[in-house]
Amino acid sequence: MSITLEPVKEVLIYSAARLGLFLACYALMAGVWFAFNGTDGILFMPAVAALILSMLLSLSTFFSSTLYF
């Protein structure tokens, strides 16, 4: 019996890519928030905006890649 880890590797790569996308969105949103509002609410509001933005970007790349199949 042969055990392959290929599906696990794909999930790890996908998860790392989603985490990287979220961190990039958070850095962008936190920078914009800091530029306009200072440090008030620097953790919560940019995190919510980054969650929404990264979700939309992930969905848009998913739908654009499935249109070709």
C-alpha atoms as a PDB file:
ATOM      1  CA  MET A   1       0.000   0.000   0.000  1.00  0.00           C
ATOM      2  CA  SER A   2       1.401   3.322  -1.063  1.00  0.00           C
ATOM      3  CA  ILE A   3       0.614   6.547   0.764  1.00  0.00           C
ATOM      4  CA  THR A   4       0.987   9.759  -1.184  1.00  0.00           C
ATOM      5  CA  LEU A   5       1.208  13.210   0.369  1.00  0.00           C
ATOM      6  CA  GLU A   6       0.436  15.126  -2.826  1.00  0.00           C
ATOM      7  CA  PRO A   7      -3.072  16.273  -1.717  1.00  0.00           C
ATOM      8  CA  VAL A   8      -1.620  17.481   1.597  1.00  0.00           C
ATOM      9  CA  LYS A   9       1.082  19.411  -0.238  1.00  0.00           C
ATOM     10  CA  GLU A  10      -1.546  21.146  -2.405  1.00  0.00           C
ATOM     11  CA  VAL A  11      -3.571  22.149   0.662  1.00  0.00           C
ATOM     12  CA  LEU A  12      -0.472  23.530   2.381  1.00  0.00           C
ATOM     13  CA  ILE A  13       0.505  25.564  -0.680  1.00  0.00           C
ATOM     14  CA  TYR A  14      -3.052  26.901  -1.010  1.00  0.00           C
ATOM     15  CA  SER A  15      -3.213  27.766   2.688  1.00  0.00           C
ATOM     16  CA  ALA A  16       0.151  29.528   2.580  1.00  0.00           C
ATOM     17  CA  ALA A  17      -0.944  31.511  -0.473  1.00  0.00           C
ATOM     18  CA  ARG A  18      -4.197  32.574   1.231  1.00  0.00           C
ATOM     19  CA  LEU A  19      -2.317  33.580   4.390  1.00  0.00           C
ATOM     20  CA  GLY A  20       0.171  35.561   2.316  1.00  0.00           C
ATOM     21  CA  LEU A  21      -2.668  37.284   0.476  1.00  0.00           C
ATOM     22  CA  PHE A  22      -4.335  38.189   3.780  1.00  0.00           C
ATOM     23  CA  LEU A  23      -1.080  39.556   5.240  1.00  0.00           C
ATOM     24  CA  ALA A  24      -0.442  41.652   2.142  1.00  0.00           C
ATOM     25  CA  CYS A  25      -3.998  43.015   2.267  1.00  0.00           C
ATOM     26  CA  TYR A  26      -3.659  43.713   5.984  1.00  0.00           C
ATOM     27  CA  ALA A  27      -0.389  45.589   5.458  1.00  0.00           C
ATOM     28  CA  LEU A  28      -2.040  47.685   2.755  1.00  0.00           C
ATOM     29  CA  MET A  29      -5.187  48.379   4.788  1.00  0.00           C
ATOM     30  CA  ALA A  30      -3.237  49.137   7.978  1.00  0.00           C
ATOM     31  CA  GLY A  31      -1.027  51.580   6.067  1.00  0.00           C
ATOM     32  CA  VAL A  32      -4.018  53.376   4.579  1.00  0.00           C
ATOM     33  CA  TRP A  33      -5.775  53.393   7.977  1.00  0.00           C
ATOM     34  CA  PHE A  34      -2.664  54.778   9.687  1.00  0.00           C
ATOM     35  CA  ALA A  35      -2.270  57.490   7.050  1.00  0.00           C
ATOM     36  CA  PHE A  36      -5.806  58.756   7.562  1.00  0.00           C
ATOM     37  CA  ASN A  37      -6.692  57.859  11.160  1.00  0.00           C
ATOM     38  CA  GLY A  38      -3.473  57.332  13.098  1.00  0.00           C
ATOM     39  CA  THR A  39      -3.313  54.450  15.529  1.00  0.00           C
ATOM     40  CA  ASP A  40      -6.969  54.502  16.673  1.00  0.00           C
ATOM     41  CA  GLY A  41      -8.464  51.143  15.713  1.00  0.00           C
ATOM     42  CA  ILE A  42      -5.344  50.044  13.822  1.00  0.00           C
ATOM     43  CA  LEU A  43      -5.891  46.345  14.624  1.00  0.00           C
ATOM     44  CA  PHE A  44      -9.595  45.657  14.141  1.00  0.00           C
ATOM     45  CA  MET A  45     -10.858  47.707  11.195  1.00  0.00           C
ATOM     46  CA  PRO A  46      -7.951  47.001   8.812  1.00  0.00           C
ATOM     47  CA  ALA A  47      -8.197  43.300   9.716  1.00  0.00           C
ATOM     48  CA  VAL A  48     -11.888  43.208   8.795  1.00  0.00           C
ATOM     49  CA  ALA A  49     -11.220  45.079   5.562  1.00  0.00           C
ATOM     50  CA  ALA A  50      -8.285  42.760   4.781  1.00  0.00           C
ATOM     51  CA  LEU A  51     -10.445  39.674   5.380  1.00  0.00           C
ATOM     52  CA  ILE A  52     -13.068  40.953   2.966  1.00  0.00           C
ATOM     53  CA  LEU A  53     -10.529  42.097   0.364  1.00  0.00           C
ATOM     54  CA  SER A  54      -8.513  38.876   0.454  1.00  0.00           C
ATOM     55  CA  MET A  55     -11.719  36.839   0.195  1.00  0.00           C
ATOM     56  CA  LEU A  56     -12.836  38.804  -2.867  1.00  0.00           C
ATOM     57  CA  LEU A  57      -9.414  38.553  -4.493  1.00  0.00           C
ATOM     58  CA  SER A  58      -9.306  34.822  -3.848  1.00  0.00           C
ATOM     59  CA  LEU A  59     -12.767  34.337  -5.305  1.00  0.00           C
ATOM     60  CA  SER A  60     -11.941  36.432  -8.351  1.00  0.00           C
ATOM     61  CA  THR A  61      -8.835  34.356  -9.091  1.00  0.00           C
ATOM     62  CA  PHE A  62     -10.852  31.161  -8.566  1.00  0.00           C
ATOM     63  CA  PHE A  63     -13.586  32.196 -10.985  1.00  0.00           C
ATOM     64  CA  SER A  64     -11.196  33.563 -13.592  1.00  0.00           C
ATOM     65  CA  SER A  65      -9.178  30.325 -13.574  1.00  0.00           C
ATOM     66  CA  THR A  66     -12.282  28.124 -13.897  1.00  0.00           C
ATOM     67  CA  LEU A  67     -13.669  30.012 -16.897  1.00  0.00           C
ATOM     68  CA  TYR A  68     -11.062  28.430 -19.152  1.00  0.00           C
ATOM     69  CA  PHE A  69     -12.033  24.828 -18.392  1.00  0.00           C
END
